[in-house]
Structures are given as C-alpha cells and as structure tokens.
C-alpha cells in the first residue's frame, strides 16, 4: 500500500472504533496513563481529525482545539468520520507530501499522524471492548515508525518503556508493545 492508502486504512479503522463508543464508556480507563476515554477521544478527534487536515494544508490549529470536548457535541462520531474523510483527501493530494510541515518533512508528519491514528485507535478500542484492525501493510508501516521514533517519543513522554512483545505477535501488536503499551491491557 502507499502511504496515503495506509492513512486511509487507519482512518477507516479509527472511525469504526469511535462509531461504537457509547456515553457510558466515556469516563472509563484507557491504556494511556492520565487519559480517561473522553480525554482520549477528544485527543484523537483533535489531532487525527481536524489537525490531520490542517497539517496537510499547512494551516494553523485553531485556538482551543486541544481543549474542546467533541464528545459533548451531537453526532460527534459522524462528524469525526466525515472529518477523517476530508483529512485523508487532503493527504491524497501530491502537494501535501512536498516540503515541510511546521519545520518537519511532510512524510515525517504523516508518519506521526499514522502512529496517532493507530496507537490511539488501539487504545480507544481496548478501552471500549473493541478490536482495532488495519491491513498488514499499514501495521508494518506503523511498526517501522515506532521503531524509528520510539526514543524521541519517550523523551517527550509520548511513549513509555517498551513492553515485552508477545511471541508470534503481528506487526500492530509489536508496535503497541514497543510504544510502551501493554498488549494485554483489558481495563
């Protein structure tokens, strides 16, 4: 798969998971230290929904994006799915991959967004009793991104110390473990 196709695959998976999040689950725990489910959803929507499109277009984030409670809005799941489609479309444009985004190569930023979609998508799926599934090629790209950037993410407190990778683990499970998440987390 191409990188834009991997982003589209991950976006579809994130939309599937968020579509099944019920209000009763929003106060529950997640694999992300310090994030309840509502906080995780809001982070995911802000950065992989709206933020992903804005980065492709080289536009600034609006004030208050990081603190907005998307879950308080009616039909937030449908709005997020529609926003993901716009974000994927923006990254499908060849110009999105040229030059830099906020001083970083565009491909590196897209890689960070893919990790956000898949790792936080996995977190949300686990927190709400679901599975997060992407194509093998997408999972391989995520694993490569985790391996390449793990120490940087740890330095900025985005990843914990790596967990043991289960024997026979697929690439997504390996990425989850190497990013410091417990691949067996069940709430």
Protein backbone atom coordinates (compact mmCIF):
# COMPACT_ATOMS: atom_id res chain seq x y z
CA UNK A 1 0.00 0.00 0.00
CA UNK A 2 1.06 3.58 -0.48
CA UNK A 3 1.43 5.93 2.44
CA UNK A 4 -1.83 7.79 1.61
CA UNK A 5 -3.60 4.41 1.40
CA UNK A 6 -2.21 3.47 4.82
CA UNK A 7 -3.56 6.74 6.27
CA UNK A 8 -6.95 5.98 4.71
CA UNK A 9 -6.90 2.44 6.13
CA UNK A 10 -6.04 3.70 9.62
CA UNK A 11 -8.68 6.45 9.38
CA UNK A 12 -11.37 3.90 8.50
CA UNK A 13 -10.34 1.78 11.48
CA UNK A 14 -10.43 4.80 13.82
CA UNK A 15 -13.87 5.80 12.52
CA UNK A 16 -15.17 2.24 13.08
CA UNK A 17 -13.96 2.24 16.67
CA UNK A 18 -15.28 5.70 17.55
CA UNK A 19 -18.67 4.88 15.99
CA UNK A 20 -19.21 2.32 18.76
CA UNK A 21 -18.17 4.47 21.72
CA UNK A 22 -21.17 4.91 23.99
CA UNK A 23 -21.66 7.74 26.50
CA UNK A 24 -21.43 5.26 29.35
CA UNK A 25 -17.85 4.41 28.39
CA UNK A 26 -16.50 7.98 28.32
CA UNK A 27 -15.45 8.06 31.98
CA UNK A 28 -13.69 4.69 31.78
CA UNK A 29 -9.96 3.98 31.93
CA UNK A 30 -7.69 3.61 28.91
CA UNK A 31 -4.23 2.19 28.30
CA UNK A 32 -2.98 5.81 28.12
CA UNK A 33 -1.77 6.96 31.52
CA UNK A 34 -3.67 10.06 32.58
CA UNK A 35 -6.36 9.75 29.87
CA UNK A 36 -9.89 8.59 30.55
CA UNK A 37 -11.89 7.59 27.49
CA UNK A 38 -13.36 11.07 26.95
CA UNK A 39 -9.90 12.67 27.06
CA UNK A 40 -8.56 10.05 24.65
CA UNK A 41 -11.46 10.56 22.23
CA UNK A 42 -11.01 14.32 22.30
CA UNK A 43 -7.27 13.97 21.68
CA UNK A 44 -7.88 11.56 18.80
CA UNK A 45 -10.53 13.78 17.18
CA UNK A 46 -8.49 16.97 17.56
CA UNK A 47 -5.21 15.66 16.22
CA UNK A 48 -6.18 12.96 13.73
CA UNK A 49 -9.37 14.54 12.52
CA UNK A 50 -9.10 18.29 12.30
CA UNK A 51 -5.35 18.51 12.91
CA UNK A 52 -4.56 15.99 10.19
CA UNK A 53 -6.32 18.06 7.53
CA UNK A 54 -4.82 21.31 8.78
CA UNK A 55 -1.30 19.88 8.62
CA UNK A 56 -1.80 18.68 5.04
CA UNK A 57 -2.97 22.17 4.09
CA UNK A 58 -0.25 23.92 6.15
CA UNK A 59 -2.87 25.78 8.18
CA UNK A 60 -2.59 26.57 11.91
CA UNK A 61 -4.65 24.80 14.54
CA UNK A 62 -7.48 26.97 15.80
CA UNK A 63 -7.29 28.18 19.37
CA UNK A 64 -8.97 25.83 21.80
CA UNK A 65 -8.67 22.75 19.59
CA UNK A 66 -6.71 20.82 22.22
CA UNK A 67 -9.24 21.55 24.98
CA UNK A 68 -12.50 21.18 23.04
CA UNK A 69 -14.92 18.48 24.25
CA UNK A 70 -16.03 16.93 20.98
CA UNK A 71 -17.98 14.24 22.85
CA UNK A 72 -20.38 16.90 24.15
CA UNK A 73 -21.44 17.70 20.60
CA UNK A 74 -24.36 15.87 18.96
CA UNK A 75 -23.35 13.27 16.38
CA UNK A 76 -19.66 13.70 17.21
CA UNK A 77 -18.85 10.23 15.84
CA UNK A 78 -20.37 11.00 12.42
CA UNK A 79 -18.64 14.40 12.39
CA UNK A 80 -15.31 12.72 13.16
CA UNK A 81 -15.80 10.14 10.40
CA UNK A 82 -16.60 12.92 7.91
CA UNK A 83 -13.59 14.93 9.10
CA UNK A 84 -11.35 11.89 8.67
CA UNK A 85 -12.54 11.60 5.07
CA UNK A 86 -11.60 15.26 4.46
CA UNK A 87 -8.25 14.72 6.16
CA UNK A 88 -7.47 11.65 4.07
CA UNK A 89 -8.48 13.54 0.93
CA UNK A 90 -6.13 16.38 1.88
CA UNK A 91 -3.23 13.91 2.29
CA UNK A 92 -4.15 12.29 -1.01
CA UNK A 93 -3.06 15.46 -2.80
CA UNK A 94 0.56 15.23 -4.05
CA UNK A 95 1.26 18.75 -2.74
CA UNK A 96 0.65 17.58 0.84
CA UNK A 97 3.77 15.42 0.60
CA UNK A 98 6.05 18.19 -0.63
CA UNK A 99 8.28 20.30 1.56
CA UNK A 100 7.82 20.73 5.26
CA UNK A 101 5.04 21.00 7.81
CA UNK A 102 5.98 23.05 10.86
CA UNK A 103 9.69 22.59 10.11
CA UNK A 104 9.50 18.83 9.60
CA UNK A 105 9.43 16.88 6.33
CA UNK A 106 5.83 16.27 5.28
CA UNK A 107 6.36 12.50 5.23
CA UNK A 108 7.61 12.56 8.84
CA UNK A 109 4.49 14.46 9.91
CA UNK A 110 2.30 11.96 8.06
CA UNK A 111 4.14 9.19 9.89
CA UNK A 112 3.35 10.81 13.23
CA UNK A 113 -0.30 11.09 12.23
CA UNK A 114 -0.38 7.43 11.25
CA UNK A 115 1.02 6.49 14.67
CA UNK A 116 -1.61 8.69 16.36
CA UNK A 117 -4.41 7.05 14.38
CA UNK A 118 -3.25 3.50 15.01
CA UNK A 119 -1.86 3.62 18.53
CA UNK A 120 -4.57 5.84 19.99
CA UNK A 121 -7.13 3.99 17.87
CA UNK A 122 -5.88 0.78 19.50
CA UNK A 123 -6.06 2.46 22.93
CA UNK A 124 -9.66 3.52 22.33
CA UNK A 125 -10.62 0.11 21.01
CA UNK A 126 -9.20 -1.57 24.12
CA UNK A 127 -10.85 0.96 26.42
CA UNK A 128 -14.24 0.26 24.86
CA UNK A 129 -14.02 -3.52 24.43
CA UNK A 130 -13.33 -3.49 20.70
CA UNK A 131 -10.61 -4.62 18.31
CA UNK A 132 -8.55 -2.24 16.19
CA UNK A 133 -7.63 -3.79 12.87
CA UNK A 134 -5.71 -2.44 9.90
CA UNK A 135 -4.18 -4.11 6.87
CA UNK A 136 -0.86 -5.87 7.37
CA UNK A 137 0.93 -3.28 5.24
CA UNK A 138 -0.43 -0.44 7.37
CA UNK A 139 0.59 -2.28 10.55
CA UNK A 140 4.09 -2.83 9.13
CA UNK A 141 4.43 0.91 8.43
CA UNK A 142 3.28 1.67 11.99
CA UNK A 143 5.80 -0.78 13.42
CA UNK A 144 8.58 0.79 11.33
CA UNK A 145 7.55 4.24 12.59
CA UNK A 146 7.55 3.11 16.20
CA UNK A 147 10.97 1.52 15.83
CA UNK A 148 12.38 4.62 14.14
CA UNK A 149 10.96 7.16 16.58
CA UNK A 150 10.49 5.35 19.88
CA UNK A 151 13.24 7.12 21.77
CA UNK A 152 12.12 10.55 20.57
CA UNK A 153 8.58 9.80 21.72
CA UNK A 154 9.88 8.53 25.07
CA UNK A 155 11.93 11.71 25.50
CA UNK A 156 8.73 13.73 25.11
CA UNK A 157 6.69 11.37 27.35
CA UNK A 158 4.54 10.12 24.44
CA UNK A 159 5.72 6.52 24.83
CA UNK A 160 6.53 4.51 27.92
CA UNK A 161 9.26 1.96 28.26
CA UNK A 162 8.73 -0.88 25.81
CA UNK A 163 6.63 -3.81 26.95
CA UNK A 164 7.58 -7.35 26.07
CA UNK A 165 6.43 -8.25 22.58
CA UNK A 166 4.33 -11.42 22.77
CA UNK A 167 5.71 -14.44 20.93
CA UNK A 168 4.28 -14.62 17.43
CA UNK A 169 2.89 -11.08 17.65
CA UNK A 170 1.77 -9.41 14.46
CA UNK A 171 3.18 -6.02 13.49
CA UNK A 172 0.43 -3.96 15.15
CA UNK A 173 0.75 -5.82 18.45
CA UNK A 174 4.53 -5.44 18.27
CA UNK A 175 4.15 -1.70 17.63
CA UNK A 176 1.78 -1.42 20.59
CA UNK A 177 4.25 -3.18 22.89
CA UNK A 178 7.28 -1.26 21.63
CA UNK A 179 5.43 2.01 22.17
CA UNK A 180 5.16 1.18 25.86
CA UNK A 181 1.61 -0.13 25.90
CA UNK A 182 0.59 -3.39 27.50
CA UNK A 183 -0.65 -5.52 24.57
CA UNK A 184 -2.75 -7.49 27.08
CA UNK A 185 -4.43 -4.41 28.60
CA UNK A 186 -8.07 -5.14 29.28
CA UNK A 187 -9.23 -2.36 31.60
